[in-house]
C-alpha cells in the first residue's frame, strides 16, 4: 500500500472483484478518511480548555500531559498551531497523524490488506 500511495496516479480499491472506489491516493484519503489527528505534549494547565475552542476540533482527549486532538478540514492543523501560538502553550512534543491509503482500504472493505 505504501508503494501504491507513493507511486500511483490512480488507484482502485477492490473488494471481492468489485471496484469500491477509485481515484488518486490523495483523493481517496481526502474523501474516505477526512479525520486528522494532532498529538501534542504540554504541561500548560489551561491547554485542554484552550484546545477545546478550536472550531474544527471534534474531539480533544487528555492522558496526563499528552493531548490528542481530532478534526476535519483543510485548516484543522493550522487551527491547532494557531491556538497553541495564540495561547502561548509551550509544547514539548508534537506530531500530526494523517490517514493513509491502507486506512481507506480498511474503512471501505472492513478488513486490512493482510487479512
N, C-alpha and C. Protein backbone atom coordinates (compact mmCIF):
# COMPACT_ATOMS: atom_id res chain seq x y z
N UNK A 1 0.81 -1.20 0.00
CA UNK A 1 0.00 0.00 0.00
C UNK A 1 0.86 1.27 0.00
N UNK A 2 1.97 1.22 0.75
CA UNK A 2 2.84 2.40 0.80
C UNK A 2 3.37 2.73 -0.58
N UNK A 3 3.75 1.69 -1.35
CA UNK A 3 4.27 1.92 -2.70
C UNK A 3 3.18 2.49 -3.60
N UNK A 4 1.98 1.97 -3.51
CA UNK A 4 0.88 2.49 -4.32
C UNK A 4 0.62 3.95 -3.99
N UNK A 5 0.70 4.28 -2.71
CA UNK A 5 0.45 5.66 -2.29
C UNK A 5 1.51 6.60 -2.85
N UNK A 6 2.77 6.14 -2.88
CA UNK A 6 3.87 6.98 -3.36
C UNK A 6 3.97 7.03 -4.88
N UNK A 7 3.66 5.93 -5.55
CA UNK A 7 3.98 5.81 -6.97
C UNK A 7 2.80 5.96 -7.93
N UNK A 8 1.61 5.70 -7.49
CA UNK A 8 0.47 5.65 -8.40
C UNK A 8 -0.25 6.99 -8.52
N UNK A 9 -0.70 7.27 -9.76
CA UNK A 9 -1.52 8.45 -10.01
C UNK A 9 -2.99 8.16 -9.75
N UNK A 10 -3.36 6.89 -9.90
CA UNK A 10 -4.75 6.49 -9.77
C UNK A 10 -4.78 5.08 -9.18
N UNK A 11 -5.69 4.86 -8.23
CA UNK A 11 -5.78 3.59 -7.52
C UNK A 11 -7.24 3.17 -7.47
N UNK A 12 -7.47 1.88 -7.58
CA UNK A 12 -8.82 1.33 -7.39
C UNK A 12 -8.79 0.44 -6.16
N UNK A 13 -9.78 0.61 -5.31
CA UNK A 13 -9.94 -0.26 -4.14
C UNK A 13 -10.94 -1.34 -4.55
N UNK A 14 -10.48 -2.58 -4.47
CA UNK A 14 -11.31 -3.72 -4.88
C UNK A 14 -11.74 -4.53 -3.67
N UNK A 15 -12.97 -5.02 -3.73
CA UNK A 15 -13.49 -5.94 -2.71
C UNK A 15 -14.23 -7.05 -3.43
N UNK A 16 -13.72 -8.25 -3.31
CA UNK A 16 -14.32 -9.42 -3.97
C UNK A 16 -14.52 -9.19 -5.48
N UNK A 17 -13.51 -8.58 -6.11
CA UNK A 17 -13.55 -8.36 -7.55
C UNK A 17 -14.35 -7.16 -8.01
N UNK A 18 -14.93 -6.42 -7.08
CA UNK A 18 -15.72 -5.24 -7.42
C UNK A 18 -14.97 -3.97 -7.02
N UNK A 19 -15.01 -2.95 -7.88
CA UNK A 19 -14.40 -1.67 -7.54
C UNK A 19 -15.28 -0.96 -6.52
N UNK A 20 -14.70 -0.67 -5.37
CA UNK A 20 -15.43 0.01 -4.30
C UNK A 20 -15.25 1.52 -4.42
N UNK A 21 -14.04 1.95 -4.81
CA UNK A 21 -13.74 3.37 -5.01
C UNK A 21 -12.52 3.47 -5.90
N UNK A 22 -12.40 4.60 -6.58
CA UNK A 22 -11.28 4.81 -7.49
C UNK A 22 -10.92 6.29 -7.50
N UNK A 23 -9.63 6.57 -7.61
CA UNK A 23 -9.16 7.95 -7.66
C UNK A 23 -7.68 8.00 -7.33
N UNK A 24 -7.15 9.19 -7.26
CA UNK A 24 -5.76 9.33 -6.85
C UNK A 24 -5.68 8.97 -5.36
N UNK A 25 -4.51 8.54 -4.90
CA UNK A 25 -4.40 8.24 -3.46
C UNK A 25 -4.84 9.42 -2.59
N UNK A 26 -4.47 10.65 -3.00
CA UNK A 26 -4.86 11.84 -2.22
C UNK A 26 -6.37 12.02 -2.20
N UNK A 27 -7.03 11.82 -3.35
CA UNK A 27 -8.49 11.95 -3.42
C UNK A 27 -9.17 10.92 -2.53
N UNK A 28 -8.71 9.68 -2.59
CA UNK A 28 -9.31 8.62 -1.79
C UNK A 28 -9.19 8.92 -0.30
N UNK A 29 -8.01 9.35 0.12
CA UNK A 29 -7.80 9.66 1.54
C UNK A 29 -8.68 10.84 1.95
N UNK A 30 -8.69 11.90 1.15
CA UNK A 30 -9.47 13.09 1.48
C UNK A 30 -10.96 12.78 1.54
N UNK A 31 -11.44 11.97 0.60
CA UNK A 31 -12.87 11.66 0.51
C UNK A 31 -13.32 10.65 1.57
N UNK A 32 -12.53 9.60 1.77
CA UNK A 32 -12.98 8.49 2.60
C UNK A 32 -12.47 8.53 4.04
N UNK A 33 -11.39 9.24 4.30
CA UNK A 33 -10.82 9.33 5.66
C UNK A 33 -10.41 10.77 5.95
N UNK A 34 -11.38 11.66 6.10
CA UNK A 34 -11.04 13.07 6.27
C UNK A 34 -10.51 13.46 7.66
N UNK A 35 -10.60 12.54 8.64
CA UNK A 35 -10.18 12.86 10.00
C UNK A 35 -8.67 13.03 10.08
N UNK A 36 -8.22 14.08 10.77
CA UNK A 36 -6.80 14.34 11.02
C UNK A 36 -6.59 14.31 12.53
N UNK A 37 -5.38 13.96 12.95
CA UNK A 37 -5.07 13.89 14.37
C UNK A 37 -3.79 14.64 14.65
N UNK A 38 -3.83 15.47 15.69
CA UNK A 38 -2.62 16.14 16.17
C UNK A 38 -2.37 15.65 17.59
N UNK A 39 -1.17 15.15 17.82
CA UNK A 39 -0.76 14.70 19.16
C UNK A 39 0.23 15.73 19.68
N UNK A 40 0.03 16.15 20.91
CA UNK A 40 1.00 17.08 21.48
C UNK A 40 1.11 16.89 22.98
N UNK A 41 2.26 17.29 23.50
CA UNK A 41 2.52 17.20 24.94
C UNK A 41 2.80 18.59 25.47
N UNK A 42 2.18 18.90 26.60
CA UNK A 42 2.39 20.19 27.24
C UNK A 42 2.03 20.08 28.72
N UNK A 43 2.71 20.86 29.52
CA UNK A 43 2.40 20.92 30.94
C UNK A 43 1.47 22.09 31.26
N UNK A 44 1.05 22.83 30.27
CA UNK A 44 0.20 24.00 30.44
C UNK A 44 -1.15 23.60 31.04
N UNK A 45 -1.48 24.18 32.18
CA UNK A 45 -2.71 23.83 32.91
C UNK A 45 -3.98 24.21 32.15
N UNK A 46 -3.89 25.21 31.28
CA UNK A 46 -5.07 25.67 30.53
C UNK A 46 -5.17 25.08 29.14
N UNK A 47 -4.25 24.19 28.78
CA UNK A 47 -4.20 23.68 27.41
C UNK A 47 -5.50 23.01 26.99
N UNK A 48 -6.05 22.15 27.81
CA UNK A 48 -7.27 21.43 27.42
C UNK A 48 -8.42 22.41 27.14
N UNK A 49 -8.59 23.36 28.03
CA UNK A 49 -9.65 24.36 27.85
C UNK A 49 -9.45 25.13 26.54
N UNK A 50 -8.24 25.53 26.26
CA UNK A 50 -7.94 26.30 25.04
C UNK A 50 -8.09 25.45 23.78
N UNK A 51 -7.61 24.21 23.83
CA UNK A 51 -7.69 23.34 22.66
C UNK A 51 -9.14 23.02 22.29
N UNK A 52 -10.01 22.99 23.28
CA UNK A 52 -11.43 22.71 23.01
C UNK A 52 -12.13 23.86 22.28
N UNK A 53 -11.48 25.02 22.18
CA UNK A 53 -12.08 26.15 21.46
C UNK A 53 -11.77 26.13 19.96
N UNK A 54 -10.96 25.19 19.52
CA UNK A 54 -10.60 25.12 18.09
C UNK A 54 -11.87 24.76 17.30
N UNK A 55 -12.25 25.61 16.35
CA UNK A 55 -13.53 25.41 15.64
C UNK A 55 -13.68 24.05 14.97
N UNK A 56 -12.66 23.54 14.34
CA UNK A 56 -12.80 22.29 13.60
C UNK A 56 -12.40 21.05 14.42
N UNK A 57 -12.08 21.24 15.70
CA UNK A 57 -11.74 20.10 16.56
C UNK A 57 -13.02 19.37 16.94
N UNK A 58 -13.05 18.08 16.67
CA UNK A 58 -14.21 17.28 17.02
C UNK A 58 -14.03 16.60 18.38
N UNK A 59 -12.80 16.19 18.68
CA UNK A 59 -12.53 15.60 19.99
C UNK A 59 -11.18 16.08 20.50
N UNK A 60 -11.12 16.27 21.81
CA UNK A 60 -9.87 16.58 22.50
C UNK A 60 -9.81 15.65 23.69
N UNK A 61 -8.81 14.78 23.70
CA UNK A 61 -8.65 13.87 24.83
C UNK A 61 -7.29 14.11 25.46
N UNK A 62 -7.25 13.82 26.76
CA UNK A 62 -6.03 14.08 27.52
C UNK A 62 -5.65 12.83 28.32
N UNK A 63 -4.37 12.53 28.29
CA UNK A 63 -3.83 11.48 29.14
C UNK A 63 -2.55 12.06 29.75
N UNK A 64 -2.66 12.45 31.02
CA UNK A 64 -1.58 13.16 31.72
C UNK A 64 -1.27 14.45 30.97
N UNK A 65 -0.07 14.61 30.47
CA UNK A 65 0.28 15.85 29.77
C UNK A 65 0.23 15.69 28.25
N UNK A 66 -0.34 14.59 27.78
CA UNK A 66 -0.43 14.33 26.34
C UNK A 66 -1.87 14.51 25.85
N UNK A 67 -2.00 15.24 24.74
CA UNK A 67 -3.31 15.53 24.18
C UNK A 67 -3.43 14.94 22.79
N UNK A 68 -4.63 14.47 22.48
CA UNK A 68 -4.96 14.01 21.14
C UNK A 68 -6.12 14.86 20.66
N UNK A 69 -5.90 15.60 19.59
CA UNK A 69 -6.92 16.48 19.04
C UNK A 69 -7.27 15.95 17.66
N UNK A 70 -8.56 15.68 17.43
CA UNK A 70 -9.00 15.17 16.14
C UNK A 70 -10.00 16.11 15.52
N UNK A 71 -9.90 16.27 14.21
CA UNK A 71 -10.82 17.14 13.49
C UNK A 71 -10.71 16.93 12.00
N UNK A 72 -11.52 17.69 11.28
CA UNK A 72 -11.56 17.58 9.83
C UNK A 72 -11.38 18.95 9.21
N UNK A 73 -11.07 18.95 7.94
CA UNK A 73 -10.97 20.19 7.19
C UNK A 73 -9.54 20.54 6.84
N UNK A 74 -9.42 21.29 5.76
CA UNK A 74 -8.10 21.68 5.27
C UNK A 74 -7.35 22.56 6.26
N UNK A 75 -8.07 23.28 7.11
CA UNK A 75 -7.43 24.21 8.04
C UNK A 75 -7.26 23.65 9.44
N UNK A 76 -7.63 22.40 9.67
CA UNK A 76 -7.59 21.85 11.02
C UNK A 76 -6.22 21.96 11.67
N UNK A 77 -5.18 21.48 11.03
CA UNK A 77 -3.84 21.50 11.62
C UNK A 77 -3.40 22.95 11.84
N UNK A 78 -3.70 23.82 10.89
CA UNK A 78 -3.36 25.24 11.03
C UNK A 78 -4.07 25.84 12.24
N UNK A 79 -5.33 25.47 12.46
CA UNK A 79 -6.07 25.97 13.62
C UNK A 79 -5.45 25.51 14.93
N UNK A 80 -4.96 24.27 14.97
CA UNK A 80 -4.30 23.78 16.18
C UNK A 80 -3.03 24.60 16.43
N UNK A 81 -2.23 24.80 15.40
CA UNK A 81 -1.00 25.58 15.53
C UNK A 81 -1.31 27.00 15.98
N UNK A 82 -2.33 27.58 15.40
CA UNK A 82 -2.72 28.95 15.76
C UNK A 82 -3.15 29.02 17.24
N UNK A 83 -3.93 28.05 17.69
CA UNK A 83 -4.38 28.02 19.08
C UNK A 83 -3.19 27.92 20.03
N UNK A 84 -2.26 27.04 19.73
CA UNK A 84 -1.08 26.85 20.57
C UNK A 84 -0.28 28.15 20.63
N UNK A 85 -0.08 28.77 19.48
CA UNK A 85 0.70 30.01 19.41
C UNK A 85 -0.01 31.17 20.12
N UNK A 86 -1.28 31.34 19.80
CA UNK A 86 -2.06 32.46 20.36
C UNK A 86 -2.15 32.39 21.89
N UNK A 87 -2.20 31.17 22.42
CA UNK A 87 -2.34 30.99 23.86
C UNK A 87 -1.02 30.73 24.57
N UNK A 88 0.07 30.88 23.84
CA UNK A 88 1.43 30.72 24.40
C UNK A 88 1.57 29.39 25.14
N UNK A 89 1.08 28.34 24.51
CA UNK A 89 1.18 26.99 25.08
C UNK A 89 2.53 26.41 24.69
N UNK A 90 3.35 26.14 25.68
CA UNK A 90 4.67 25.56 25.43
C UNK A 90 4.50 24.07 25.15
N UNK A 91 4.87 23.65 23.95
CA UNK A 91 4.72 22.27 23.52
C UNK A 91 6.07 21.59 23.59
N UNK A 92 6.12 20.43 24.27
CA UNK A 92 7.38 19.70 24.39
C UNK A 92 7.52 18.58 23.37
N UNK A 93 6.39 18.20 22.73
CA UNK A 93 6.43 17.17 21.70
C UNK A 93 5.16 17.32 20.87
N UNK A 94 5.26 17.07 19.57
CA UNK A 94 4.06 17.13 18.73
C UNK A 94 4.25 16.25 17.50
N UNK A 95 3.10 15.83 16.98
CA UNK A 95 3.10 15.01 15.77
C UNK A 95 1.73 15.10 15.13
N UNK A 96 1.71 15.17 13.81
CA UNK A 96 0.46 15.15 13.06
C UNK A 96 0.32 13.78 12.42
N UNK A 97 -0.85 13.18 12.58
CA UNK A 97 -1.11 11.86 12.01
C UNK A 97 -2.15 12.01 10.92
N UNK A 98 -1.75 11.67 9.70
CA UNK A 98 -2.66 11.75 8.56
C UNK A 98 -3.03 10.33 8.14
N UNK A 99 -4.26 10.13 7.70
CA UNK A 99 -4.67 8.80 7.26
C UNK A 99 -3.91 8.39 6.00
N UNK A 100 -3.83 7.09 5.78
CA UNK A 100 -3.11 6.53 4.65
C UNK A 100 -4.08 5.78 3.74
N UNK A 101 -3.55 5.33 2.62
CA UNK A 101 -4.34 4.52 1.70
C UNK A 101 -4.79 3.22 2.37
N UNK A 102 -3.97 2.70 3.26
CA UNK A 102 -4.36 1.49 3.99
C UNK A 102 -5.57 1.78 4.90
N UNK A 103 -5.63 2.96 5.49
CA UNK A 103 -6.79 3.35 6.29
C UNK A 103 -8.05 3.40 5.42
N UNK A 104 -7.90 3.91 4.20
CA UNK A 104 -9.03 3.95 3.26
C UNK A 104 -9.50 2.53 2.95
N UNK A 105 -8.56 1.65 2.65
CA UNK A 105 -8.90 0.26 2.35
C UNK A 105 -9.65 -0.38 3.51
N UNK A 106 -9.15 -0.19 4.72
CA UNK A 106 -9.78 -0.75 5.90
C UNK A 106 -11.20 -0.22 6.08
N UNK A 107 -11.37 1.08 5.89
CA UNK A 107 -12.70 1.67 6.06
C UNK A 107 -13.68 1.15 5.02
N UNK A 108 -13.22 1.07 3.77
CA UNK A 108 -14.14 0.69 2.68
C UNK A 108 -14.44 -0.80 2.64
N UNK A 109 -13.49 -1.63 3.05
CA UNK A 109 -13.68 -3.07 2.94
C UNK A 109 -13.97 -3.75 4.27
N UNK A 110 -13.60 -3.10 5.37
CA UNK A 110 -13.81 -3.68 6.68
C UNK A 110 -12.72 -4.64 7.13
N UNK A 111 -11.68 -4.78 6.33
CA UNK A 111 -10.56 -5.64 6.74
C UNK A 111 -9.26 -5.08 6.19
N UNK A 112 -8.16 -5.47 6.80
CA UNK A 112 -6.86 -4.96 6.36
C UNK A 112 -6.41 -5.68 5.10
N UNK A 113 -5.41 -5.13 4.46
CA UNK A 113 -4.87 -5.71 3.24
C UNK A 113 -4.33 -7.09 3.49
N UNK A 114 -3.80 -7.33 4.69
CA UNK A 114 -3.14 -8.58 5.02
C UNK A 114 -4.11 -9.69 5.45
N UNK A 115 -5.39 -9.38 5.61
CA UNK A 115 -6.37 -10.40 6.05
C UNK A 115 -6.70 -11.37 4.94
